[in-house]
PDB file of N, CA and C in Angstrom:
ATOM      1  N   UNK A   1       0.835  -1.181   0.000  1.00  0.00           N
ATOM      2  CA  UNK A   1       0.000   0.000   0.000  1.00  0.00           C
ATOM      3  C   UNK A   1       0.877   1.241   0.000  1.00  0.00           C
ATOM      4  N   UNK A   2       0.466   2.200  -0.753  1.00  0.00           N
ATOM      5  CA  UNK A   2       1.130   3.500  -0.746  1.00  0.00           C
ATOM      6  C   UNK A   2       0.596   4.271   0.451  1.00  0.00           C
ATOM      7  N   UNK A   3       0.562   5.563   0.354  1.00  0.00           N
ATOM      8  CA  UNK A   3       0.062   6.372   1.465  1.00  0.00           C
ATOM      9  C   UNK A   3      -1.461   6.476   1.415  1.00  0.00           C
ATOM     10  N   UNK A   4      -2.021   6.863   2.543  1.00  0.00           N
ATOM     11  CA  UNK A   4      -3.466   7.090   2.628  1.00  0.00           C
ATOM     12  C   UNK A   4      -3.766   8.419   1.937  1.00  0.00           C
ATOM     13  N   UNK A   5      -4.735   8.407   1.038  1.00  0.00           N
ATOM     14  CA  UNK A   5      -5.076   9.624   0.301  1.00  0.00           C
ATOM     15  C   UNK A   5      -6.120  10.467   1.024  1.00  0.00           C
ATOM     16  N   UNK A   6      -6.966   9.821   1.817  1.00  0.00           N
ATOM     17  CA  UNK A   6      -8.017  10.550   2.520  1.00  0.00           C
ATOM     18  C   UNK A   6      -8.369   9.810   3.805  1.00  0.00           C
ATOM     19  N   UNK A   7      -8.457  10.551   4.902  1.00  0.00           N
ATOM     20  CA  UNK A   7      -8.881  10.006   6.188  1.00  0.00           C
ATOM     21  C   UNK A   7     -10.306  10.453   6.452  1.00  0.00           C
ATOM     22  N   UNK A   8     -11.139   9.521   6.876  1.00  0.00           N
ATOM     23  CA  UNK A   8     -12.529   9.836   7.181  1.00  0.00           C
ATOM     24  C   UNK A   8     -12.826   9.376   8.604  1.00  0.00           C
ATOM     25  N   UNK A   9     -13.220  10.307   9.442  1.00  0.00           N
ATOM     26  CA  UNK A   9     -13.547  10.012  10.833  1.00  0.00           C
ATOM     27  C   UNK A   9     -15.066  10.024  10.983  1.00  0.00           C
ATOM     28  N   UNK A  10     -15.645   8.842  11.182  1.00  0.00           N
ATOM     29  CA  UNK A  10     -17.092   8.742  11.364  1.00  0.00           C
ATOM     30  C   UNK A  10     -17.416   8.180  12.747  1.00  0.00           C
ATOM     31  N   UNK A  11     -16.495   8.389  13.684  1.00  0.00           N
ATOM     32  CA  UNK A  11     -16.729   7.936  15.063  1.00  0.00           C
ATOM     33  C   UNK A  11     -17.959   8.627  15.629  1.00  0.00           C
ATOM     34  N   UNK A  12     -18.778   7.846  16.309  1.00  0.00           N
ATOM     35  CA  UNK A  12     -19.990   8.385  16.924  1.00  0.00           C
ATOM     36  C   UNK A  12     -21.211   8.352  16.021  1.00  0.00           C
ATOM     37  N   UNK A  13     -21.023   8.055  14.737  1.00  0.00           N
ATOM     38  CA  UNK A  13     -22.152   8.000  13.806  1.00  0.00           C
ATOM     39  C   UNK A  13     -22.675   6.572  13.700  1.00  0.00           C
ATOM     40  N   UNK A  14     -23.961   6.430  13.524  1.00  0.00           N
ATOM     41  CA  UNK A  14     -24.602   5.129  13.392  1.00  0.00           C
ATOM     42  C   UNK A  14     -25.036   4.906  11.941  1.00  0.00           C
ATOM     43  N   UNK A  15     -25.221   3.644  11.596  1.00  0.00           N
ATOM     44  CA  UNK A  15     -25.663   3.247  10.269  1.00  0.00           C
ATOM     45  C   UNK A  15     -26.950   4.009   9.922  1.00  0.00           C
ATOM     46  N   UNK A  16     -27.066   4.515   8.736  1.00  0.00           N
ATOM     47  CA  UNK A  16     -26.226   4.323   7.550  1.00  0.00           C
ATOM     48  C   UNK A  16     -25.186   5.427   7.328  1.00  0.00           C
ATOM     49  N   UNK A  17     -25.045   6.353   8.271  1.00  0.00           N
ATOM     50  CA  UNK A  17     -24.173   7.509   8.040  1.00  0.00           C
ATOM     51  C   UNK A  17     -22.714   7.158   7.720  1.00  0.00           C
ATOM     52  N   UNK A  18     -22.066   6.203   8.406  1.00  0.00           N
ATOM     53  CA  UNK A  18     -20.677   5.894   8.037  1.00  0.00           C
ATOM     54  C   UNK A  18     -20.530   5.448   6.578  1.00  0.00           C
ATOM     55  N   UNK A  19     -21.463   4.636   6.116  1.00  0.00           N
ATOM     56  CA  UNK A  19     -21.409   4.166   4.723  1.00  0.00           C
ATOM     57  C   UNK A  19     -21.674   5.327   3.760  1.00  0.00           C
ATOM     58  N   UNK A  20     -22.647   6.145   4.058  1.00  0.00           N
ATOM     59  CA  UNK A  20     -22.957   7.275   3.173  1.00  0.00           C
ATOM     60  C   UNK A  20     -21.781   8.242   3.080  1.00  0.00           C
ATOM     61  N   UNK A  21     -21.137   8.506   4.201  1.00  0.00           N
ATOM     62  CA  UNK A  21     -19.974   9.404   4.186  1.00  0.00           C
ATOM     63  C   UNK A  21     -18.807   8.772   3.426  1.00  0.00           C
ATOM     64  N   UNK A  22     -18.617   7.468   3.591  1.00  0.00           N
ATOM     65  CA  UNK A  22     -17.544   6.775   2.867  1.00  0.00           C
ATOM     66  C   UNK A  22     -17.812   6.798   1.371  1.00  0.00           C
ATOM     67  N   UNK A  23     -19.047   6.585   0.985  1.00  0.00           N
ATOM     68  CA  UNK A  23     -19.408   6.617  -0.431  1.00  0.00           C
ATOM     69  C   UNK A  23     -19.099   7.987  -1.028  1.00  0.00           C
ATOM     70  N   UNK A  24     -19.455   9.033  -0.306  1.00  0.00           N
ATOM     71  CA  UNK A  24     -19.198  10.399  -0.766  1.00  0.00           C
ATOM     72  C   UNK A  24     -17.695  10.669  -0.856  1.00  0.00           C
ATOM     73  N   UNK A  25     -16.936  10.203   0.146  1.00  0.00           N
ATOM     74  CA  UNK A  25     -15.486  10.399   0.152  1.00  0.00           C
ATOM     75  C   UNK A  25     -14.826   9.643  -0.992  1.00  0.00           C
ATOM     76  N   UNK A  26     -15.255   8.416  -1.245  1.00  0.00           N
ATOM     77  CA  UNK A  26     -14.675   7.620  -2.331  1.00  0.00           C
ATOM     78  C   UNK A  26     -14.918   8.273  -3.691  1.00  0.00           C
ATOM     79  N   UNK A  27     -16.036   8.972  -3.828  1.00  0.00           N
ATOM     80  CA  UNK A  27     -16.351   9.637  -5.099  1.00  0.00           C
ATOM     81  C   UNK A  27     -15.353  10.744  -5.415  1.00  0.00           C
ATOM     82  N   UNK A  28     -14.645  11.246  -4.409  1.00  0.00           N
ATOM     83  CA  UNK A  28     -13.670  12.313  -4.639  1.00  0.00           C
ATOM     84  C   UNK A  28     -12.289  11.766  -4.999  1.00  0.00           C
ATOM     85  N   UNK A  29     -12.117  10.449  -4.866  1.00  0.00           N
ATOM     86  CA  UNK A  29     -10.816   9.833  -5.119  1.00  0.00           C
ATOM     87  C   UNK A  29     -10.734   9.253  -6.521  1.00  0.00           C
ATOM     88  N   UNK A  30      -9.513   9.132  -7.007  1.00  0.00           N
ATOM     89  CA  UNK A  30      -9.272   8.488  -8.299  1.00  0.00           C
ATOM     90  C   UNK A  30      -9.108   6.988  -8.082  1.00  0.00           C
ATOM     91  N   UNK A  31      -9.245   6.241  -9.138  1.00  0.00           N
ATOM     92  CA  UNK A  31      -9.078   4.793  -9.074  1.00  0.00           C
ATOM     93  C   UNK A  31      -7.718   4.441  -8.471  1.00  0.00           C
ATOM     94  N   UNK A  32      -7.725   3.512  -7.513  1.00  0.00           N
ATOM     95  CA  UNK A  32      -6.494   3.068  -6.881  1.00  0.00           C
ATOM     96  C   UNK A  32      -6.090   3.855  -5.653  1.00  0.00           C
ATOM     97  N   UNK A  33      -6.769   4.957  -5.385  1.00  0.00           N
ATOM     98  CA  UNK A  33      -6.423   5.740  -4.197  1.00  0.00           C
ATOM     99  C   UNK A  33      -7.037   5.107  -2.951  1.00  0.00           C
ATOM    100  N   UNK A  34      -6.494   5.504  -1.783  1.00  0.00           N
ATOM    101  CA  UNK A  34      -6.841   4.882  -0.517  1.00  0.00           C
ATOM    102  C   UNK A  34      -7.656   5.788   0.394  1.00  0.00           C
ATOM    103  N   UNK A  35      -8.677   5.189   1.001  1.00  0.00           N
ATOM    104  CA  UNK A  35      -9.499   5.850   2.009  1.00  0.00           C
ATOM    105  C   UNK A  35      -9.350   5.063   3.315  1.00  0.00           C
ATOM    106  N   UNK A  36      -9.044   5.773   4.400  1.00  0.00           N
ATOM    107  CA  UNK A  36      -9.024   5.141   5.718  1.00  0.00           C
ATOM    108  C   UNK A  36     -10.228   5.675   6.490  1.00  0.00           C
ATOM    109  N   UNK A  37     -11.041   4.764   6.982  1.00  0.00           N
ATOM    110  CA  UNK A  37     -12.247   5.126   7.723  1.00  0.00           C
ATOM    111  C   UNK A  37     -12.099   4.648   9.164  1.00  0.00           C
ATOM    112  N   UNK A  38     -12.371   5.541  10.109  1.00  0.00           N
ATOM    113  CA  UNK A  38     -12.377   5.183  11.525  1.00  0.00           C
ATOM    114  C   UNK A  38     -13.811   5.308  12.019  1.00  0.00           C
ATOM    115  N   UNK A  39     -14.344   4.195  12.542  1.00  0.00           N
ATOM    116  CA  UNK A  39     -15.748   4.148  12.951  1.00  0.00           C
ATOM    117  C   UNK A  39     -15.879   3.501  14.329  1.00  0.00           C
ATOM    118  N   UNK A  40     -16.998   3.775  14.994  1.00  0.00           N
ATOM    119  CA  UNK A  40     -17.278   3.160  16.287  1.00  0.00           C
ATOM    120  C   UNK A  40     -18.573   2.354  16.285  1.00  0.00           C
ATOM    121  N   UNK A  41     -19.336   2.427  15.224  1.00  0.00           N
ATOM    122  CA  UNK A  41     -20.596   1.696  15.137  1.00  0.00           C
ATOM    123  C   UNK A  41     -20.300   0.194  15.149  1.00  0.00           C
ATOM    124  N   UNK A  42     -20.881  -0.561  16.094  1.00  0.00           N
ATOM    125  CA  UNK A  42     -20.610  -1.999  16.164  1.00  0.00           C
ATOM    126  C   UNK A  42     -20.982  -2.758  14.890  1.00  0.00           C
ATOM    127  N   UNK A  43     -21.892  -2.213  14.103  1.00  0.00           N
ATOM    128  CA  UNK A  43     -22.290  -2.864  12.860  1.00  0.00           C
ATOM    129  C   UNK A  43     -21.402  -2.522  11.677  1.00  0.00           C
ATOM    130  N   UNK A  44     -20.431  -1.649  11.888  1.00  0.00           N
ATOM    131  CA  UNK A  44     -19.591  -1.170  10.786  1.00  0.00           C
ATOM    132  C   UNK A  44     -18.845  -2.284  10.038  1.00  0.00           C
ATOM    133  N   UNK A  45     -18.265  -3.273  10.706  1.00  0.00           N
ATOM    134  CA  UNK A  45     -17.547  -4.303   9.949  1.00  0.00           C
ATOM    135  C   UNK A  45     -18.421  -4.998   8.898  1.00  0.00           C
ATOM    136  N   UNK A  46     -19.612  -5.416   9.295  1.00  0.00           N
ATOM    137  CA  UNK A  46     -20.515  -6.064   8.332  1.00  0.00           C
ATOM    138  C   UNK A  46     -20.973  -5.078   7.266  1.00  0.00           C
ATOM    139  N   UNK A  47     -21.245  -3.847   7.674  1.00  0.00           N
ATOM    140  CA  UNK A  47     -21.701  -2.828   6.722  1.00  0.00           C
ATOM    141  C   UNK A  47     -20.648  -2.552   5.662  1.00  0.00           C
ATOM    142  N   UNK A  48     -19.394  -2.392   6.082  1.00  0.00           N
ATOM    143  CA  UNK A  48     -18.341  -2.075   5.119  1.00  0.00           C
ATOM    144  C   UNK A  48     -17.997  -3.272   4.230  1.00  0.00           C
ATOM    145  N   UNK A  49     -18.104  -4.481   4.770  1.00  0.00           N
ATOM    146  CA  UNK A  49     -17.905  -5.666   3.928  1.00  0.00           C
ATOM    147  C   UNK A  49     -18.952  -5.701   2.820  1.00  0.00           C
ATOM    148  N   UNK A  50     -20.209  -5.501   3.183  1.00  0.00           N
ATOM    149  CA  UNK A  50     -21.293  -5.516   2.204  1.00  0.00           C
ATOM    150  C   UNK A  50     -21.158  -4.365   1.213  1.00  0.00           C
ATOM    151  N   UNK A  51     -20.823  -3.184   1.712  1.00  0.00           N
ATOM    152  CA  UNK A  51     -20.684  -2.010   0.856  1.00  0.00           C
ATOM    153  C   UNK A  51     -19.607  -2.221  -0.210  1.00  0.00           C
ATOM    154  N   UNK A  52     -18.430  -2.699   0.208  1.00  0.00           N
ATOM    155  CA  UNK A  52     -17.349  -2.870  -0.762  1.00  0.00           C
ATOM    156  C   UNK A  52     -17.657  -4.005  -1.735  1.00  0.00           C
ATOM    157  N   UNK A  53     -18.296  -5.047  -1.255  1.00  0.00           N
ATOM    158  CA  UNK A  53     -18.669  -6.154  -2.146  1.00  0.00           C
ATOM    159  C   UNK A  53     -19.661  -5.671  -3.210  1.00  0.00           C
ATOM    160  N   UNK A  54     -20.622  -4.861  -2.812  1.00  0.00           N
ATOM    161  CA  UNK A  54     -21.658  -4.399  -3.737  1.00  0.00           C
ATOM    162  C   UNK A  54     -21.167  -3.326  -4.701  1.00  0.00           C
ATOM    163  N   UNK A  55     -20.188  -2.518  -4.278  1.00  0.00           N
ATOM    164  CA  UNK A  55     -19.734  -1.410  -5.113  1.00  0.00           C
ATOM    165  C   UNK A  55     -18.484  -1.727  -5.922  1.00  0.00           C
ATOM    166  N   UNK A  56     -17.792  -2.814  -5.579  1.00  0.00           N
ATOM    167  CA  UNK A  56     -16.592  -3.187  -6.319  1.00  0.00           C
ATOM    168  C   UNK A  56     -15.311  -2.548  -5.790  1.00  0.00           C
ATOM    169  N   UNK A  57     -15.403  -1.754  -4.733  1.00  0.00           N
ATOM    170  CA  UNK A  57     -14.193  -1.220  -4.107  1.00  0.00           C
ATOM    171  C   UNK A  57     -13.534  -2.351  -3.322  1.00  0.00           C
ATOM    172  N   UNK A  58     -12.292  -2.146  -2.905  1.00  0.00           N
ATOM    173  CA  UNK A  58     -11.535  -3.209  -2.267  1.00  0.00           C
ATOM    174  C   UNK A  58     -11.319  -2.906  -0.785  1.00  0.00           C
ATOM    175  N   UNK A  59     -11.847  -3.764   0.076  1.00  0.00           N
ATOM    176  CA  UNK A  59     -11.617  -3.651   1.506  1.00  0.00           C
ATOM    177  C   UNK A  59     -10.319  -4.383   1.799  1.00  0.00           C
ATOM    178  N   UNK A  60      -9.237  -3.619   1.840  1.00  0.00           N
ATOM    179  CA  UNK A  60      -7.910  -4.214   1.940  1.00  0.00           C
ATOM    180  C   UNK A  60      -7.545  -4.631   3.352  1.00  0.00           C
ATOM    181  N   UNK A  61      -8.058  -3.914   4.325  1.00  0.00           N
ATOM    182  CA  UNK A  61      -7.700  -4.238   5.700  1.00  0.00           C
ATOM    183  C   UNK A  61      -8.750  -3.663   6.623  1.00  0.00           C
ATOM    184  N   UNK A  62      -8.905  -4.320   7.731  1.00  0.00           N
ATOM    185  CA  UNK A  62      -9.765  -3.786   8.783  1.00  0.00           C
ATOM    186  C   UNK A  62      -9.196  -4.238  10.104  1.00  0.00           C
ATOM    187  N   UNK A  63      -9.333  -3.398  11.077  1.00  0.00           N
ATOM    188  CA  UNK A  63      -8.849  -3.749  12.405  1.00  0.00           C
ATOM    189  C   UNK A  63      -9.845  -3.261  13.437  1.00  0.00           C
ATOM    190  N   UNK A  64      -9.875  -3.951  14.546  1.00  0.00           N
ATOM    191  CA  UNK A  64     -10.773  -3.595  15.637  1.00  0.00           C
ATOM    192  C   UNK A  64      -9.977  -3.603  16.929  1.00  0.00           C
ATOM    193  N   UNK A  65      -9.266  -2.530  17.185  1.00  0.00           N
ATOM    194  CA  UNK A  65      -8.506  -2.454  18.435  1.00  0.00           C
ATOM    195  C   UNK A  65      -9.438  -2.514  19.652  1.00  0.00           C
ATOM    196  N   UNK A  66      -8.872  -2.761  20.786  1.00  0.00           N
ATOM    197  CA  UNK A  66      -9.656  -2.861  22.017  1.00  0.00           C
ATOM    198  C   UNK A  66     -10.389  -1.571  22.372  1.00  0.00           C
ATOM    199  N   UNK A  67     -10.038  -0.490  21.728  1.00  0.00           N
ATOM    200  CA  UNK A  67     -10.649   0.803  22.040  1.00  0.00           C
ATOM    201  C   UNK A  67     -12.102   0.902  21.574  1.00  0.00           C
ATOM    202  N   UNK A  68     -12.559  -0.080  20.790  1.00  0.00           N
ATOM    203  CA  UNK A  68     -13.918  -0.023  20.259  1.00  0.00           C
ATOM    204  C   UNK A  68     -14.006   0.730  18.951  1.00  0.00           C
ATOM    205  N   UNK A  69     -12.858   1.140  18.423  1.00  0.00           N
ATOM    206  CA  UNK A  69     -12.829   1.809  17.117  1.00  0.00           C
ATOM    207  C   UNK A  69     -12.442   0.802  16.052  1.00  0.00           C
ATOM    208  N   UNK A  70     -13.096   0.900  14.925  1.00  0.00           N
ATOM    209  CA  UNK A  70     -12.786   0.059  13.778  1.00  0.00           C
ATOM    210  C   UNK A  70     -12.088   0.923  12.738  1.00  0.00           C
ATOM    211  N   UNK A  71     -11.050   0.379  12.121  1.00  0.00           N
ATOM    212  CA  UNK A  71     -10.328   1.096  11.071  1.00  0.00           C
ATOM    213  C   UNK A  71     -10.403   0.260   9.808  1.00  0.00           C
ATOM    214  N   UNK A  72     -10.853   0.872   8.731  1.00  0.00           N
ATOM    215  CA  UNK A  72     -10.995   0.198   7.449  1.00  0.00           C
ATOM    216  C   UNK A  72     -10.121   0.888   6.421  1.00  0.00           C
ATOM    217  N   UNK A  73      -9.397   0.104   5.638  1.00  0.00           N
ATOM    218  CA  UNK A  73      -8.611   0.642   4.528  1.00  0.00           C
ATOM    219  C   UNK A  73      -9.292   0.174   3.248  1.00  0.00           C
ATOM    220  N   UNK A  74      -9.754   1.152   2.488  1.00  0.00           N
ATOM    221  CA  UNK A  74     -10.512   0.860   1.273  1.00  0.00           C
ATOM    222  C   UNK A  74      -9.774   1.468   0.076  1.00  0.00           C
ATOM    223  N   UNK A  75      -9.572   0.642  -0.937  1.00  0.00           N
ATOM    224  CA  UNK A  75      -8.958   1.127  -2.179  1.00  0.00           C
ATOM    225  C   UNK A  75     -10.066   1.305  -3.207  1.00  0.00           C
ATOM    226  N   UNK A  76     -10.100   2.494  -3.817  1.00  0.00           N
ATOM    227  CA  UNK A  76     -11.147   2.788  -4.804  1.00  0.00           C
ATOM    228  C   UNK A  76     -10.924   1.955  -6.058  1.00  0.00           C
ATOM    229  N   UNK A  77     -12.025   1.431  -6.593  1.00  0.00           N
ATOM    230  CA  UNK A  77     -11.913   0.618  -7.800  1.00  0.00           C
ATOM    231  C   UNK A  77     -11.525   1.437  -8.993  1.00  0.00           C
TER     232      UNK A  77
END
């Protein structure tokens, strides 16, 4: 992975807002660029898996540290 092109902080937001904000952020990126999303919604892992599968973007990595924050690395298709 190269560098992160855009950081999106959606901590404190509940579904569907994290996905909607990520969709809007991805629209500003060129193909192959990276979006890092930080979320706290417990449903975010399943939501982002479904979102990337349906849109064709690539969910390259996700982590769930003990802090309750989820970090997703998404590469734009």
